[in-house]
Amino acid sequence: MEFKNIVNDWQKQYPILSPYTPSTLYAKADIILIGLRLDKVMSDTYRLILEILPLWVQEKRKISIPVFFVELFDKDGRQFFIKYQLHKYLFKAAAECANQQFGLILRESIRVNDIFRLIDSFSSTLRPKHNPIDWHRLFELKLALAFYSGEANLIDTVKAEIEKETKYWNEKEFNHLFMKSIKEWKSDLYQKMGNRETFMKQVQLNLDNKKISKLKQIQIL
């Protein structure tokens, strides 16, 4: 089966998503892009990955680096690799797994708490514990969503989570990885999420991008 036909099947499964690249299907959701990547594992095999991309960042060409991603697992919790020639036989089972794992945020309206629940559910089991390489981007996503929601209690909750987790991080290793101290990273993050006008101006610049503007809209409640 041709790859483009496989992509078409997934778009039909989730009509809220639109083509962004030949291997991705996205929708715009206020300050983020949400969607699916059909990742080619081998020349004849793919896996499905849910991705969330930030719209508050500056990118020279296009938004392409996710702040959160997780691959689809089968009903037994194993990686779901699908050969092109077996796609039509496995698609029903794969779609059922996708609906169970990703269905809450691949629809026309979603809640911030549903995104948080997805992040926390997969991150607690799939991300290395206390590893800033994974967690620093997840915290940026959670704080951005809390900041956008305007709910002071949610912002305080995420900040408390950040303060608690960063106590486990190794200062020397963090500095080596990110060329700044943990304190500097937190200060930069809080400052970036503290100026709504600047934050939303950058989001709007990305939303005005020709490719992104054509995507369908998911509403964050």
N, C-alpha and C. Protein backbone atom coordinates (compact mmCIF):
# COMPACT_ATOMS: atom_id res chain seq x y z
N MET A 1 0.84 -1.19 0.00
CA MET A 1 0.00 0.00 0.00
C MET A 1 0.88 1.25 0.00
N GLU A 2 0.52 2.26 -0.76
CA GLU A 2 1.32 3.48 -0.83
C GLU A 2 1.18 4.29 0.45
N PHE A 3 2.29 4.95 0.83
CA PHE A 3 2.33 5.70 2.08
C PHE A 3 1.27 6.81 2.10
N LYS A 4 1.10 7.51 0.99
CA LYS A 4 0.13 8.62 0.95
C LYS A 4 -1.29 8.13 1.20
N ASN A 5 -1.59 6.91 0.80
CA ASN A 5 -2.92 6.33 1.06
C ASN A 5 -3.10 5.98 2.53
N ILE A 6 -2.00 5.60 3.16
CA ILE A 6 -2.03 5.32 4.61
C ILE A 6 -2.30 6.62 5.37
N VAL A 7 -1.62 7.70 4.96
CA VAL A 7 -1.85 9.01 5.57
C VAL A 7 -3.30 9.43 5.39
N ASN A 8 -3.84 9.19 4.21
CA ASN A 8 -5.24 9.54 3.94
C ASN A 8 -6.20 8.78 4.86
N ASP A 9 -5.89 7.52 5.15
CA ASP A 9 -6.75 6.73 6.05
C ASP A 9 -6.80 7.36 7.43
N TRP A 10 -5.64 7.83 7.92
CA TRP A 10 -5.60 8.44 9.25
C TRP A 10 -6.30 9.80 9.25
N GLN A 11 -6.22 10.51 8.15
CA GLN A 11 -6.94 11.78 8.08
C GLN A 11 -8.46 11.55 8.09
N LYS A 12 -8.90 10.51 7.42
CA LYS A 12 -10.33 10.17 7.44
C LYS A 12 -10.76 9.76 8.85
N GLN A 13 -9.87 9.10 9.57
CA GLN A 13 -10.16 8.70 10.93
C GLN A 13 -10.29 9.91 11.85
N TYR A 14 -9.45 10.93 11.60
CA TYR A 14 -9.48 12.15 12.40
C TYR A 14 -9.64 13.36 11.46
N PRO A 15 -10.87 13.63 11.02
CA PRO A 15 -11.10 14.70 10.04
C PRO A 15 -10.79 16.09 10.55
N ILE A 16 -10.60 16.25 11.86
CA ILE A 16 -10.21 17.56 12.40
C ILE A 16 -8.77 17.89 12.02
N LEU A 17 -7.99 16.88 11.61
CA LEU A 17 -6.59 17.07 11.24
C LEU A 17 -6.45 17.32 9.75
N SER A 18 -5.42 18.10 9.39
CA SER A 18 -5.13 18.41 7.99
C SER A 18 -3.66 18.12 7.70
N PRO A 19 -3.31 17.88 6.44
CA PRO A 19 -1.90 17.65 6.10
C PRO A 19 -1.05 18.89 6.39
N TYR A 20 0.09 18.67 7.01
CA TYR A 20 1.05 19.74 7.28
C TYR A 20 2.33 19.48 6.50
N THR A 21 2.77 18.23 6.52
CA THR A 21 3.86 17.74 5.68
C THR A 21 3.39 16.40 5.11
N PRO A 22 4.15 15.79 4.21
CA PRO A 22 3.72 14.49 3.66
C PRO A 22 3.53 13.39 4.71
N SER A 23 4.11 13.56 5.89
CA SER A 23 4.00 12.51 6.91
C SER A 23 3.33 12.98 8.20
N THR A 24 2.77 14.21 8.21
CA THR A 24 2.12 14.70 9.42
C THR A 24 0.74 15.25 9.14
N LEU A 25 -0.13 15.12 10.15
CA LEU A 25 -1.49 15.65 10.12
C LEU A 25 -1.69 16.46 11.40
N TYR A 26 -1.98 17.75 11.27
CA TYR A 26 -2.08 18.62 12.44
C TYR A 26 -3.38 19.43 12.43
N ALA A 27 -3.70 19.97 13.59
CA ALA A 27 -4.72 21.00 13.75
C ALA A 27 -4.13 22.07 14.65
N LYS A 28 -4.57 23.30 14.51
CA LYS A 28 -4.12 24.38 15.39
C LYS A 28 -5.08 24.46 16.57
N ALA A 29 -4.52 24.59 17.77
CA ALA A 29 -5.32 24.65 18.98
C ALA A 29 -4.85 25.82 19.82
N ASP A 30 -5.24 27.02 19.41
CA ASP A 30 -4.95 28.27 20.12
C ASP A 30 -3.45 28.58 20.18
N ILE A 31 -2.70 27.95 21.06
CA ILE A 31 -1.26 28.26 21.20
C ILE A 31 -0.38 27.08 20.84
N ILE A 32 -0.97 26.00 20.35
CA ILE A 32 -0.20 24.80 20.02
C ILE A 32 -0.73 24.19 18.72
N LEU A 33 0.08 23.34 18.12
CA LEU A 33 -0.37 22.45 17.07
C LEU A 33 -0.47 21.06 17.68
N ILE A 34 -1.53 20.34 17.34
CA ILE A 34 -1.73 18.98 17.83
C ILE A 34 -1.94 18.08 16.62
N GLY A 35 -1.34 16.92 16.65
CA GLY A 35 -1.59 16.03 15.52
C GLY A 35 -0.80 14.75 15.55
N LEU A 36 -0.73 14.13 14.39
CA LEU A 36 -0.11 12.81 14.25
C LEU A 36 1.03 12.84 13.26
N ARG A 37 2.08 12.13 13.59
CA ARG A 37 3.19 11.90 12.66
C ARG A 37 3.22 10.42 12.32
N LEU A 38 3.26 10.12 11.04
CA LEU A 38 3.45 8.74 10.61
C LEU A 38 4.94 8.57 10.37
N ASP A 39 5.59 8.00 11.34
CA ASP A 39 7.04 7.90 11.36
C ASP A 39 7.50 6.62 10.67
N LYS A 40 8.31 6.77 9.64
CA LYS A 40 8.80 5.61 8.90
C LYS A 40 9.91 4.93 9.70
N VAL A 41 9.61 3.75 10.22
CA VAL A 41 10.58 2.98 11.00
C VAL A 41 11.58 2.32 10.07
N MET A 42 11.08 1.73 9.00
CA MET A 42 11.89 1.15 7.93
C MET A 42 11.24 1.54 6.61
N SER A 43 11.79 1.10 5.52
CA SER A 43 11.27 1.50 4.22
C SER A 43 9.84 1.01 3.98
N ASP A 44 9.43 -0.04 4.72
CA ASP A 44 8.09 -0.60 4.50
C ASP A 44 7.26 -0.66 5.78
N THR A 45 7.67 0.10 6.81
CA THR A 45 7.00 0.02 8.11
C THR A 45 6.86 1.43 8.70
N TYR A 46 5.74 1.68 9.39
CA TYR A 46 5.57 2.96 10.06
C TYR A 46 5.01 2.76 11.46
N ARG A 47 5.12 3.80 12.27
CA ARG A 47 4.48 3.85 13.58
C ARG A 47 3.79 5.20 13.70
N LEU A 48 2.79 5.28 14.56
CA LEU A 48 2.02 6.50 14.73
C LEU A 48 2.47 7.23 16.00
N ILE A 49 2.71 8.53 15.87
CA ILE A 49 3.16 9.33 17.01
C ILE A 49 2.26 10.55 17.17
N LEU A 50 1.75 10.75 18.37
CA LEU A 50 1.02 11.97 18.69
C LEU A 50 2.03 13.05 19.05
N GLU A 51 1.85 14.26 18.49
CA GLU A 51 2.78 15.35 18.76
C GLU A 51 2.03 16.62 19.15
N ILE A 52 2.66 17.39 20.02
CA ILE A 52 2.21 18.74 20.34
C ILE A 52 3.37 19.68 20.07
N LEU A 53 3.14 20.70 19.24
CA LEU A 53 4.18 21.65 18.87
C LEU A 53 3.82 23.04 19.38
N PRO A 54 4.80 23.83 19.81
CA PRO A 54 4.52 25.15 20.39
C PRO A 54 4.40 26.24 19.32
N LEU A 55 3.44 27.15 19.52
CA LEU A 55 3.29 28.29 18.61
C LEU A 55 3.85 29.58 19.22
N TRP A 56 4.46 29.48 20.37
CA TRP A 56 5.02 30.68 21.01
C TRP A 56 6.53 30.83 20.75
N VAL A 57 7.08 29.95 19.92
CA VAL A 57 8.52 30.00 19.65
C VAL A 57 8.79 30.65 18.30
N GLN A 58 10.00 31.14 18.14
CA GLN A 58 10.44 31.71 16.88
C GLN A 58 11.16 30.65 16.07
N GLU A 59 10.67 30.37 14.89
CA GLU A 59 11.29 29.41 13.98
C GLU A 59 11.53 30.10 12.64
N LYS A 60 12.71 29.90 12.07
CA LYS A 60 13.05 30.57 10.81
C LYS A 60 12.23 30.04 9.64
N ARG A 61 11.96 28.75 9.62
CA ARG A 61 11.27 28.17 8.47
C ARG A 61 9.87 27.71 8.84
N LYS A 62 9.75 26.70 9.69
CA LYS A 62 8.42 26.23 10.08
C LYS A 62 8.50 25.60 11.45
N ILE A 63 7.35 25.58 12.13
CA ILE A 63 7.27 24.94 13.44
C ILE A 63 7.43 23.44 13.22
N SER A 64 8.45 22.84 13.84
CA SER A 64 8.72 21.44 13.54
C SER A 64 9.17 20.60 14.74
N ILE A 65 9.53 21.25 15.85
CA ILE A 65 10.06 20.50 17.00
C ILE A 65 9.00 20.40 18.09
N PRO A 66 8.53 19.19 18.40
CA PRO A 66 7.47 19.05 19.40
C PRO A 66 7.96 19.30 20.83
N VAL A 67 7.04 19.79 21.66
CA VAL A 67 7.33 19.90 23.09
C VAL A 67 6.85 18.65 23.82
N PHE A 68 6.03 17.86 23.14
CA PHE A 68 5.58 16.60 23.71
C PHE A 68 5.27 15.64 22.57
N PHE A 69 5.64 14.39 22.74
CA PHE A 69 5.28 13.36 21.76
C PHE A 69 5.22 12.01 22.46
N VAL A 70 4.37 11.16 21.93
CA VAL A 70 4.27 9.80 22.45
C VAL A 70 3.78 8.91 21.32
N GLU A 71 4.35 7.73 21.21
CA GLU A 71 3.96 6.83 20.13
C GLU A 71 2.78 5.96 20.54
N LEU A 72 2.11 5.42 19.56
CA LEU A 72 0.97 4.55 19.78
C LEU A 72 1.45 3.17 20.23
N PHE A 73 0.74 2.62 21.21
CA PHE A 73 1.02 1.26 21.69
C PHE A 73 -0.18 0.37 21.39
N ASP A 74 0.09 -0.92 21.22
CA ASP A 74 -1.01 -1.84 20.97
C ASP A 74 -1.71 -2.18 22.29
N LYS A 75 -2.73 -3.02 22.24
CA LYS A 75 -3.53 -3.31 23.42
C LYS A 75 -2.75 -4.03 24.52
N ASP A 76 -1.60 -4.59 24.16
CA ASP A 76 -0.74 -5.26 25.15
C ASP A 76 0.40 -4.36 25.63
N GLY A 77 0.37 -3.09 25.22
CA GLY A 77 1.37 -2.14 25.68
C GLY A 77 2.68 -2.21 24.93
N ARG A 78 2.68 -2.81 23.75
CA ARG A 78 3.90 -2.92 22.95
C ARG A 78 3.89 -1.89 21.82
N GLN A 79 5.06 -1.55 21.31
CA GLN A 79 5.15 -0.64 20.18
C GLN A 79 4.34 -1.19 19.01
N PHE A 80 3.58 -0.32 18.38
CA PHE A 80 2.68 -0.73 17.30
C PHE A 80 3.34 -0.40 15.96
N PHE A 81 4.16 -1.29 15.45
CA PHE A 81 4.78 -1.12 14.14
C PHE A 81 3.88 -1.76 13.08
N ILE A 82 3.62 -1.04 12.00
CA ILE A 82 2.69 -1.52 10.98
C ILE A 82 3.38 -1.53 9.61
N LYS A 83 3.48 -2.71 9.02
CA LYS A 83 4.01 -2.79 7.66
C LYS A 83 2.98 -2.25 6.68
N TYR A 84 3.46 -1.56 5.66
CA TYR A 84 2.55 -0.96 4.68
C TYR A 84 1.58 -2.01 4.12
N GLN A 85 2.10 -3.18 3.81
CA GLN A 85 1.27 -4.21 3.17
C GLN A 85 0.21 -4.78 4.12
N LEU A 86 0.41 -4.56 5.45
CA LEU A 86 -0.55 -5.06 6.44
C LEU A 86 -1.45 -3.95 6.98
N HIS A 87 -1.27 -2.74 6.46
CA HIS A 87 -2.00 -1.58 7.00
C HIS A 87 -3.51 -1.81 6.99
N LYS A 88 -4.06 -2.25 5.88
CA LYS A 88 -5.53 -2.37 5.80
C LYS A 88 -6.06 -3.44 6.76
N TYR A 89 -5.22 -4.40 7.13
CA TYR A 89 -5.63 -5.44 8.06
C TYR A 89 -5.49 -5.01 9.52
N LEU A 90 -4.54 -4.13 9.78
CA LEU A 90 -4.26 -3.70 11.15
C LEU A 90 -4.86 -2.34 11.49
N PHE A 91 -5.39 -1.64 10.49
CA PHE A 91 -5.83 -0.27 10.71
C PHE A 91 -6.95 -0.18 11.75
N LYS A 92 -7.91 -1.07 11.70
CA LYS A 92 -9.03 -1.02 12.65
C LYS A 92 -8.53 -1.13 14.08
N ALA A 93 -7.62 -2.08 14.33
CA ALA A 93 -7.08 -2.26 15.67
C ALA A 93 -6.24 -1.05 16.08
N ALA A 94 -5.46 -0.51 15.12
CA ALA A 94 -4.63 0.66 15.41
C ALA A 94 -5.49 1.87 15.72
N ALA A 95 -6.57 2.05 14.97
CA ALA A 95 -7.48 3.18 15.20
C ALA A 95 -8.16 3.07 16.56
N GLU A 96 -8.53 1.86 16.96
CA GLU A 96 -9.14 1.67 18.28
C GLU A 96 -8.16 2.03 19.39
N CYS A 97 -6.90 1.64 19.22
CA CYS A 97 -5.87 1.99 20.21
C CYS A 97 -5.64 3.50 20.22
N ALA A 98 -5.63 4.11 19.04
CA ALA A 98 -5.42 5.56 18.95
C ALA A 98 -6.56 6.32 19.62
N ASN A 99 -7.78 5.87 19.42
CA ASN A 99 -8.92 6.53 20.07
C ASN A 99 -8.84 6.41 21.58
N GLN A 100 -8.40 5.26 22.05
CA GLN A 100 -8.30 5.04 23.49
C GLN A 100 -7.19 5.89 24.09
N GLN A 101 -6.06 6.00 23.39
CA GLN A 101 -4.90 6.69 23.95
C GLN A 101 -4.89 8.20 23.66
N PHE A 102 -5.38 8.60 22.47
CA PHE A 102 -5.27 9.99 22.05
C PHE A 102 -6.61 10.68 21.81
N GLY A 103 -7.69 9.93 21.90
CA GLY A 103 -9.00 10.44 21.49
C GLY A 103 -9.46 11.70 22.19
N LEU A 104 -9.07 11.88 23.45
CA LEU A 104 -9.54 13.03 24.21
C LEU A 104 -9.05 14.36 23.66
N ILE A 105 -7.90 14.34 22.94
CA ILE A 105 -7.39 15.62 22.45
C ILE A 105 -7.34 15.70 20.93
N LEU A 106 -7.94 14.75 20.26
CA LEU A 106 -8.04 14.81 18.80
C LEU A 106 -9.49 14.99 18.40
N ARG A 107 -10.07 16.09 18.87
CA ARG A 107 -11.45 16.42 18.55
C ARG A 107 -11.61 17.94 18.54
N GLU A 108 -12.81 18.42 18.22
CA GLU A 108 -13.00 19.84 17.95
C GLU A 108 -12.80 20.73 19.17
N SER A 109 -13.06 20.24 20.36
CA SER A 109 -12.82 21.02 21.57
C SER A 109 -12.22 20.12 22.64
N ILE A 110 -11.24 20.66 23.33
CA ILE A 110 -10.54 19.88 24.36
C ILE A 110 -10.33 20.75 25.59
N ARG A 111 -10.05 20.12 26.71
CA ARG A 111 -9.82 20.85 27.96
C ARG A 111 -8.33 20.82 28.29
N VAL A 112 -7.86 21.88 28.92
CA VAL A 112 -6.46 21.92 29.36
C VAL A 112 -6.16 20.72 30.26
N ASN A 113 -7.11 20.38 31.12
CA ASN A 113 -6.89 19.25 32.04
C ASN A 113 -6.72 17.93 31.31
N ASP A 114 -7.37 17.79 30.14
CA ASP A 114 -7.20 16.57 29.36
C ASP A 114 -5.79 16.48 28.78
N ILE A 115 -5.25 17.64 28.37
CA ILE A 115 -3.87 17.67 27.87
C ILE A 115 -2.91 17.34 29.01
N PHE A 116 -3.14 17.94 30.16
CA PHE A 116 -2.30 17.67 31.33
C PHE A 116 -2.35 16.19 31.70
N ARG A 117 -3.55 15.63 31.65
CA ARG A 117 -3.73 14.22 32.02
C ARG A 117 -2.94 13.32 31.07
N LEU A 118 -2.97 13.66 29.78
CA LEU A 118 -2.22 12.88 28.79
C LEU A 118 -0.73 13.00 29.05
N ILE A 119 -0.25 14.21 29.26
CA ILE A 119 1.18 14.44 29.53
C ILE A 119 1.62 13.65 30.76
N ASP A 120 0.87 13.78 31.84
CA ASP A 120 1.25 13.13 33.10
C ASP A 120 1.18 11.62 32.99
N SER A 121 0.18 11.12 32.28
CA SER A 121 0.00 9.67 32.15
C SER A 121 1.17 9.02 31.44
N PHE A 122 1.55 9.58 30.30
CA PHE A 122 2.63 8.97 29.52
C PHE A 122 4.01 9.32 30.07
N SER A 123 4.16 10.53 30.60
CA SER A 123 5.48 10.95 31.06
C SER A 123 5.91 10.18 32.30
N SER A 124 4.96 9.83 33.16
CA SER A 124 5.30 9.12 34.38
C SER A 124 5.79 7.70 34.11
N THR A 125 5.39 7.14 32.96
CA THR A 125 5.78 5.76 32.65
C THR A 125 6.85 5.65 31.57
N LEU A 126 6.94 6.65 30.70
CA LEU A 126 7.85 6.54 29.55
C LEU A 126 9.06 7.44 29.64
N ARG A 127 9.02 8.52 30.42
CA ARG A 127 10.15 9.43 30.53
C ARG A 127 11.04 9.04 31.70
N PRO A 128 12.37 9.10 31.55
CA PRO A 128 13.27 8.82 32.67
C PRO A 128 12.98 9.76 33.83
N LYS A 129 12.98 9.23 35.02
CA LYS A 129 12.67 10.03 36.20
C LYS A 129 13.75 11.07 36.45
N HIS A 130 13.32 12.30 36.70
CA HIS A 130 14.21 13.41 37.06
C HIS A 130 15.27 13.70 35.99
N ASN A 131 14.90 13.52 34.74
CA ASN A 131 15.82 13.82 33.64
C ASN A 131 15.40 15.14 32.99
N PRO A 132 16.18 16.21 33.17
CA PRO A 132 15.76 17.52 32.64
C PRO A 132 15.68 17.57 31.12
N ILE A 133 16.40 16.69 30.42
CA ILE A 133 16.34 16.69 28.96
C ILE A 133 14.91 16.50 28.49
N ASP A 134 14.18 15.61 29.14
CA ASP A 134 12.78 15.38 28.79
C ASP A 134 11.84 16.37 29.47
N TRP A 135 12.09 16.63 30.74
CA TRP A 135 11.12 17.35 31.55
C TRP A 135 11.12 18.85 31.32
N HIS A 136 12.22 19.45 30.88
CA HIS A 136 12.23 20.91 30.76
C HIS A 136 11.25 21.39 29.69
N ARG A 137 11.06 20.63 28.62
CA ARG A 137 10.11 21.02 27.57
C ARG A 137 8.67 20.72 28.00
N LEU A 138 8.46 19.66 28.76
CA LEU A 138 7.13 19.35 29.26
C LEU A 138 6.64 20.44 30.21
N PHE A 139 7.55 20.92 31.04
CA PHE A 139 7.18 22.01 31.95
C PHE A 139 6.88 23.29 31.19
N GLU A 140 7.61 23.55 30.13
CA GLU A 140 7.34 24.73 29.31
C GLU A 140 5.94 24.63 28.70
N LEU A 141 5.57 23.46 28.22
CA LEU A 141 4.24 23.25 27.66
C LEU A 141 3.16 23.45 28.71
N LYS A 142 3.34 22.82 29.87
CA LYS A 142 2.32 22.92 30.91
C LYS A 142 2.16 24.36 31.41
N LEU A 143 3.28 25.06 31.57
CA LEU A 143 3.20 26.44 32.04
C LEU A 143 2.57 27.34 30.98
N ALA A 144 2.89 27.09 29.72
CA ALA A 144 2.30 27.88 28.63
C ALA A 144 0.78 27.70 28.60
N LEU A 145 0.31 26.47 28.75
CA LEU A 145 -1.12 26.21 28.75
C LEU A 145 -1.80 26.84 29.97
N ALA A 146 -1.14 26.75 31.11
CA ALA A 146 -1.69 27.37 32.32
C ALA A 146 -1.73 28.89 32.18
N PHE A 147 -0.66 29.45 31.64
CA PHE A 147 -0.58 30.89 31.42
C PHE A 147 -1.65 31.35 30.44
N TYR A 148 -1.85 30.60 29.38
CA TYR A 148 -2.86 30.96 28.39
C TYR A 148 -4.27 30.87 28.97
N SER A 149 -4.49 29.90 29.85
CA SER A 149 -5.81 29.74 30.47
C SER A 149 -6.15 30.91 31.38
N GLY A 150 -5.13 31.57 31.91
CA GLY A 150 -5.35 32.71 32.79
C GLY A 150 -5.77 32.32 34.19
N GLU A 151 -5.74 31.04 34.51
CA GLU A 151 -6.14 30.59 35.84
C GLU A 151 -4.95 30.63 36.80
N ALA A 152 -5.01 31.54 37.76
CA ALA A 152 -3.89 31.76 38.68
C ALA A 152 -3.56 30.49 39.46
N ASN A 153 -4.58 29.74 39.88
CA ASN A 153 -4.34 28.51 40.64
C ASN A 153 -3.58 27.48 39.82
N LEU A 154 -3.93 27.38 38.54
CA LEU A 154 -3.25 26.42 37.67
C LEU A 154 -1.80 26.83 37.44
N ILE A 155 -1.57 28.12 37.24
CA ILE A 155 -0.20 28.62 37.07
C ILE A 155 0.62 28.30 38.30
N ASP A 156 0.06 28.56 39.49
CA ASP A 156 0.77 28.30 40.75
C ASP A 156 1.05 26.81 40.91
N THR A 157 0.11 25.97 40.49
CA THR A 157 0.29 24.51 40.60
C THR A 157 1.45 24.04 39.74
N VAL A 158 1.51 24.53 38.50
CA VAL A 158 2.59 24.13 37.60
C VAL A 158 3.93 24.64 38.11
N LYS A 159 3.96 25.88 38.59
CA LYS A 159 5.21 26.43 39.13
C LYS A 159 5.68 25.62 40.33
N ALA A 160 4.76 25.21 41.17
CA ALA A 160 5.12 24.39 42.33
C ALA A 160 5.68 23.05 41.89
N GLU A 161 5.10 22.50 40.83
CA GLU A 161 5.59 21.24 40.28
C GLU A 161 7.02 21.40 39.74
N ILE A 162 7.26 22.52 39.08
CA ILE A 162 8.60 22.81 38.56
C ILE A 162 9.60 22.95 39.69
N GLU A 163 9.23 23.71 40.70
CA GLU A 163 10.13 23.93 41.84
C GLU A 163 10.46 22.61 42.54
N LYS A 164 9.47 21.76 42.68
CA LYS A 164 9.68 20.47 43.33
C LYS A 164 10.60 19.57 42.51
N GLU A 165 10.34 19.47 41.19
CA GLU A 165 11.11 18.58 40.33
C GLU A 165 12.55 19.04 40.17
N THR A 166 12.78 20.34 40.02
CA THR A 166 14.13 20.83 39.75
C THR A 166 15.08 20.62 40.93
N LYS A 167 14.55 20.34 42.11
CA LYS A 167 15.40 20.04 43.25
C LYS A 167 16.17 18.73 43.05
N TYR A 168 15.66 17.88 42.17
CA TYR A 168 16.30 16.60 41.91
C TYR A 168 17.36 16.69 40.80
N TRP A 169 17.39 17.81 40.07
CA TRP A 169 18.30 17.93 38.94
C TRP A 169 19.72 18.25 39.38
N ASN A 170 20.68 17.70 38.67
CA ASN A 170 22.09 17.94 38.96
C ASN A 170 22.52 19.25 38.30
N GLU A 171 22.96 20.19 39.12
CA GLU A 171 23.29 21.52 38.62
C GLU A 171 24.41 21.49 37.58
N LYS A 172 25.43 20.71 37.83
CA LYS A 172 26.58 20.65 36.92
C LYS A 172 26.17 20.05 35.57
N GLU A 173 25.41 18.97 35.60
CA GLU A 173 24.96 18.33 34.35
C GLU A 173 24.01 19.25 33.59
N PHE A 174 23.13 19.94 34.30
CA PHE A 174 22.19 20.86 33.67
C PHE A 174 22.93 21.99 32.96
N ASN A 175 23.91 22.54 33.64
CA ASN A 175 24.71 23.63 33.06
C ASN A 175 25.44 23.18 31.81
N HIS A 176 25.93 21.96 31.84
CA HIS A 176 26.64 21.40 30.69
C HIS A 176 25.69 21.21 29.50
N LEU A 177 24.45 20.80 29.78
CA LEU A 177 23.47 20.54 28.73
C LEU A 177 22.90 21.82 28.13
N PHE A 178 22.61 22.80 28.99
CA PHE A 178 21.84 23.96 28.55
C PHE A 178 22.60 25.28 28.63
N MET A 179 23.84 25.23 29.08
CA MET A 179 24.68 26.43 29.15
C MET A 179 24.07 27.52 30.03
N LYS A 180 23.35 27.12 31.03
CA LYS A 180 22.81 28.06 32.01
C LYS A 180 22.49 27.29 33.29
N SER A 181 22.34 28.00 34.37
CA SER A 181 22.01 27.34 35.64
C SER A 181 20.51 27.01 35.67
N ILE A 182 20.15 26.14 36.61
CA ILE A 182 18.73 25.80 36.77
C ILE A 182 17.94 27.05 37.16
N LYS A 183 18.51 27.86 38.02
CA LYS A 183 17.86 29.11 38.43
C LYS A 183 17.64 30.03 37.25
N GLU A 184 18.64 30.15 36.38
CA GLU A 184 18.52 31.00 35.19
C GLU A 184 17.45 30.46 34.24
N TRP A 185 17.41 29.13 34.08
CA TRP A 185 16.40 28.53 33.21
C TRP A 185 15.00 28.83 33.72
N LYS A 186 14.78 28.67 35.03
CA LYS A 186 13.46 28.95 35.60
C LYS A 186 13.11 30.42 35.45
N SER A 187 14.07 31.28 35.69
CA SER A 187 13.82 32.72 35.57
C SER A 187 13.44 33.08 34.13
N ASP A 188 14.16 32.53 33.16
CA ASP A 188 13.85 32.79 31.74
C ASP A 188 12.46 32.27 31.38
N LEU A 189 12.14 31.07 31.88
CA LEU A 189 10.84 30.47 31.58
C LEU A 189 9.71 31.30 32.17
N TYR A 190 9.84 31.69 33.44
CA TYR A 190 8.79 32.46 34.11
C TYR A 190 8.62 33.83 33.45
N GLN A 191 9.74 34.40 33.00
CA GLN A 191 9.66 35.70 32.34
C GLN A 191 8.96 35.58 30.98
N LYS A 192 9.30 34.53 30.23
CA LYS A 192 8.69 34.31 28.92
C LYS A 192 7.19 34.10 29.04
N MET A 193 6.77 33.42 30.08
CA MET A 193 5.35 33.15 30.28
C MET A 193 4.65 34.24 31.09
N GLY A 194 5.37 35.30 31.41
CA GLY A 194 4.79 36.35 32.25
C GLY A 194 4.31 37.55 31.48
N ASN A 195 4.71 37.67 30.21
CA ASN A 195 4.32 38.81 29.39
C ASN A 195 3.34 38.33 28.32
N ARG A 196 2.05 38.49 28.60
CA ARG A 196 1.03 37.95 27.71
C ARG A 196 1.06 38.61 26.34
N GLU A 197 1.32 39.91 26.29
CA GLU A 197 1.32 40.62 25.02
C GLU A 197 2.40 40.07 24.08
N THR A 198 3.62 39.92 24.60
CA THR A 198 4.73 39.39 23.79
C THR A 198 4.47 37.95 23.40
N PHE A 199 3.97 37.18 24.36
CA PHE A 199 3.68 35.76 24.14
C PHE A 199 2.66 35.60 23.00
N MET A 200 1.55 36.33 23.10
CA MET A 200 0.49 36.17 22.10
C MET A 200 0.88 36.77 20.75
N LYS A 201 1.74 37.77 20.76
CA LYS A 201 2.21 38.35 19.49
C LYS A 201 2.97 37.31 18.68
N GLN A 202 3.84 36.54 19.36
CA GLN A 202 4.59 35.49 18.67
C GLN A 202 3.67 34.36 18.21
N VAL A 203 2.70 34.01 19.05
CA VAL A 203 1.72 32.98 18.66
C VAL A 203 1.00 33.41 17.39
N GLN A 204 0.56 34.67 17.35
CA GLN A 204 -0.18 35.15 16.19
C GLN A 204 0.69 35.16 14.94
N LEU A 205 1.96 35.51 15.08
CA LEU A 205 2.87 35.48 13.93
C LEU A 205 2.93 34.09 13.33
N ASN A 206 2.98 33.09 14.19
CA ASN A 206 3.02 31.70 13.70
C ASN A 206 1.67 31.27 13.12
N LEU A 207 0.58 31.73 13.73
CA LEU A 207 -0.74 31.39 13.21
C LEU A 207 -0.96 32.01 11.83
N ASP A 208 -0.30 33.12 11.56
CA ASP A 208 -0.43 33.78 10.26
C ASP A 208 0.39 33.10 9.16
N ASN A 209 1.25 32.17 9.58
CA ASN A 209 2.02 31.42 8.60
C ASN A 209 1.07 30.73 7.62
N LYS A 210 1.42 30.77 6.34
CA LYS A 210 0.52 30.28 5.31
C LYS A 210 0.09 28.83 5.53
N LYS A 211 1.04 27.96 5.89
CA LYS A 211 0.72 26.54 6.08
C LYS A 211 -0.14 26.33 7.32
N ILE A 212 0.18 27.07 8.39
CA ILE A 212 -0.55 26.89 9.64
C ILE A 212 -1.95 27.48 9.54
N SER A 213 -2.08 28.61 8.85
CA SER A 213 -3.39 29.26 8.75
C SER A 213 -4.43 28.37 8.05
N LYS A 214 -3.97 27.45 7.23
CA LYS A 214 -4.89 26.57 6.50
C LYS A 214 -5.37 25.40 7.34
N LEU A 215 -4.76 25.17 8.49
CA LEU A 215 -5.15 24.03 9.33
C LEU A 215 -6.49 24.29 9.99
N LYS A 216 -7.21 23.22 10.29
CA LYS A 216 -8.49 23.34 11.00
C LYS A 216 -8.22 23.69 12.47
N GLN A 217 -9.29 24.18 13.12
CA GLN A 217 -9.14 24.72 14.47
C GLN A 217 -9.71 23.78 15.53
N ILE A 218 -8.90 23.53 16.56
CA ILE A 218 -9.36 22.87 17.77
C ILE A 218 -9.45 23.94 18.86
N GLN A 219 -10.51 23.94 19.60
CA GLN A 219 -10.68 24.94 20.67
C GLN A 219 -10.27 24.36 22.01
N ILE A 220 -9.43 25.12 22.72
CA ILE A 220 -9.06 24.73 24.08
C ILE A 220 -10.01 25.41 25.05
N LEU A 221 -10.71 24.62 25.85
CA LEU A 221 -11.69 25.15 26.79
C LEU A 221 -11.05 25.46 28.14
